[in-house]
Amino acid sequence: QVQLVESGGGLVEPGGSLRLSCAASGFTFKTYAMSWYRQAPGKERELVATITAAAGGNTNYADSVKDRFTISRDNAKNTVYLQMNSLKPEDTAVYYCNAARVGSSRYWGQGTQVTVSS
């Protein structure tokens, strides 16, 4: 069955870094666009970053994380990453991995908590 398993969340001080990983299985990973979403308490889930399935993987970012976060993928390992630098308290949220392809179901991971606090 399809699985998306996030890891790498935790507690970090403002200005620190974390790298999230999402290991995928049960579908043809390299043909899916992969995204990271986040949801803070009391707020709607928002799109953070996307990397396409195309060779080279085109990327897009929310304005709030541009120049701080980097999404990447390793199709040989069926894994997508989110490198988060210069973290701010407002980055605190549960981060979710998402897989999407036109004409196919969307898949979600269970989420990993990121807390930015001193």
Protein backbone atom coordinates (compact mmCIF):
# COMPACT_ATOMS: atom_id res chain seq x y z
CA GLN A 1 0.00 0.00 0.00
CA VAL A 2 0.97 3.62 -0.40
CA GLN A 3 3.06 5.07 2.39
CA LEU A 4 4.63 8.47 2.94
CA VAL A 5 6.67 8.56 6.12
CA GLU A 6 8.05 11.90 7.30
CA SER A 7 10.96 12.26 9.70
CA GLY A 8 13.40 14.88 10.91
CA GLY A 9 11.12 17.18 12.84
CA GLY A 10 11.90 18.44 16.31
CA LEU A 11 12.61 21.43 18.50
CA VAL A 12 15.10 23.99 17.24
CA GLU A 13 16.06 27.50 18.30
CA PRO A 14 15.33 30.49 16.08
CA GLY A 15 17.98 30.78 13.39
CA GLY A 16 18.62 27.05 13.43
CA SER A 17 18.20 24.42 10.74
CA LEU A 18 16.39 21.14 10.25
CA ARG A 19 16.14 18.71 7.35
CA LEU A 20 12.89 16.85 6.87
CA SER A 21 12.73 13.61 4.94
CA CYS A 22 9.76 11.81 3.40
CA ALA A 23 10.23 8.19 2.37
CA ALA A 24 7.70 6.99 -0.20
CA SER A 25 6.58 3.51 -1.14
CA GLY A 26 3.71 1.79 -2.93
CA PHE A 27 3.59 4.03 -6.00
CA THR A 28 5.82 5.15 -8.86
CA PHE A 29 7.57 7.93 -6.99
CA LYS A 30 9.48 9.41 -9.91
CA THR A 31 6.26 10.18 -11.80
CA TYR A 32 4.71 12.23 -8.99
CA ALA A 33 5.19 15.86 -8.07
CA MET A 34 6.14 16.05 -4.41
CA SER A 35 5.25 18.81 -2.02
CA TRP A 36 5.60 19.86 1.58
CA TYR A 37 2.66 21.46 3.35
CA ARG A 38 2.41 22.74 6.89
CA GLN A 39 -0.36 23.44 9.35
CA ALA A 40 0.04 25.62 12.40
CA PRO A 41 -2.42 25.46 15.32
CA GLY A 42 -5.65 27.25 14.43
CA LYS A 43 -4.60 27.81 10.84
CA GLU A 44 -5.34 26.19 7.51
CA ARG A 45 -2.87 23.84 5.88
CA GLU A 46 -0.62 25.77 3.49
CA LEU A 47 1.67 24.80 0.66
CA VAL A 48 5.35 25.32 1.49
CA ALA A 49 7.26 23.91 -1.48
CA THR A 50 6.82 21.72 -4.55
CA ILE A 51 9.21 19.83 -6.79
CA THR A 52 7.99 18.47 -10.09
CA ALA A 53 8.46 14.98 -11.46
CA ALA A 54 10.29 16.31 -14.51
CA ALA A 55 13.97 15.60 -14.92
CA GLY A 56 15.83 18.24 -12.96
CA GLY A 57 12.80 18.82 -10.75
CA ASN A 58 11.46 22.36 -11.10
CA THR A 59 10.76 23.91 -7.71
CA ASN A 60 8.33 26.45 -6.30
CA TYR A 61 8.16 27.98 -2.83
CA ALA A 62 5.78 29.97 -0.71
CA ASP A 63 6.96 33.56 -0.38
CA SER A 64 7.35 33.10 3.37
CA VAL A 65 10.07 30.45 2.95
CA LYS A 66 11.87 31.55 -0.22
CA ASP A 67 15.64 31.77 0.20
CA ARG A 68 15.42 29.83 3.49
CA PHE A 69 13.97 26.45 2.52
CA THR A 70 15.10 24.07 -0.23
CA ILE A 71 13.12 21.11 -1.53
CA SER A 72 14.91 18.27 -3.28
CA ARG A 73 14.26 14.67 -4.28
CA ASP A 74 16.23 11.48 -4.74
CA ASN A 75 14.31 9.24 -7.10
CA ALA A 76 16.73 6.37 -6.50
CA LYS A 77 15.78 6.43 -2.81
CA ASN A 78 12.11 7.37 -3.29
CA THR A 79 12.67 10.23 -0.89
CA VAL A 80 11.91 13.94 -0.86
CA TYR A 81 13.67 16.38 1.45
CA LEU A 82 13.04 19.82 2.87
CA GLN A 83 16.11 21.66 4.09
CA MET A 84 15.00 24.44 6.40
CA ASN A 85 17.47 27.15 7.37
CA SER A 86 17.14 30.38 9.34
CA LEU A 87 14.08 29.02 11.07
CA LYS A 88 11.64 31.43 12.68
CA PRO A 89 9.03 30.88 15.40
CA GLU A 90 6.35 31.34 12.73
CA ASP A 91 7.66 28.23 10.97
CA THR A 92 6.30 26.17 13.88
CA ALA A 93 3.79 23.70 12.45
CA VAL A 94 3.13 20.11 11.58
CA TYR A 95 4.80 19.46 8.22
CA TYR A 96 3.19 17.06 5.78
CA CYS A 97 4.54 15.34 2.70
CA ASN A 98 2.25 15.12 -0.34
CA ALA A 99 2.43 13.22 -3.63
CA ALA A 100 0.31 14.28 -6.61
CA ARG A 101 -0.06 13.37 -10.25
CA VAL A 102 -2.67 14.48 -12.76
CA GLY A 103 -5.37 11.84 -13.04
CA SER A 104 -4.24 9.98 -9.90
CA SER A 105 -5.01 10.07 -6.21
CA ARG A 106 -3.16 12.43 -3.90
CA TYR A 107 -1.26 10.88 -1.04
CA TRP A 108 -0.42 12.34 2.36
CA GLY A 109 1.99 11.44 5.10
CA GLN A 110 1.13 11.50 8.80
CA GLY A 111 3.09 14.67 9.50
CA THR A 112 6.09 15.62 11.59
CA GLN A 113 6.14 18.38 14.21
CA VAL A 114 8.56 21.28 13.84
CA THR A 115 8.81 23.66 16.77
CA VAL A 116 10.97 26.78 16.62
CA SER A 117 11.44 28.25 20.06
CA SER A 118 14.11 29.50 22.42
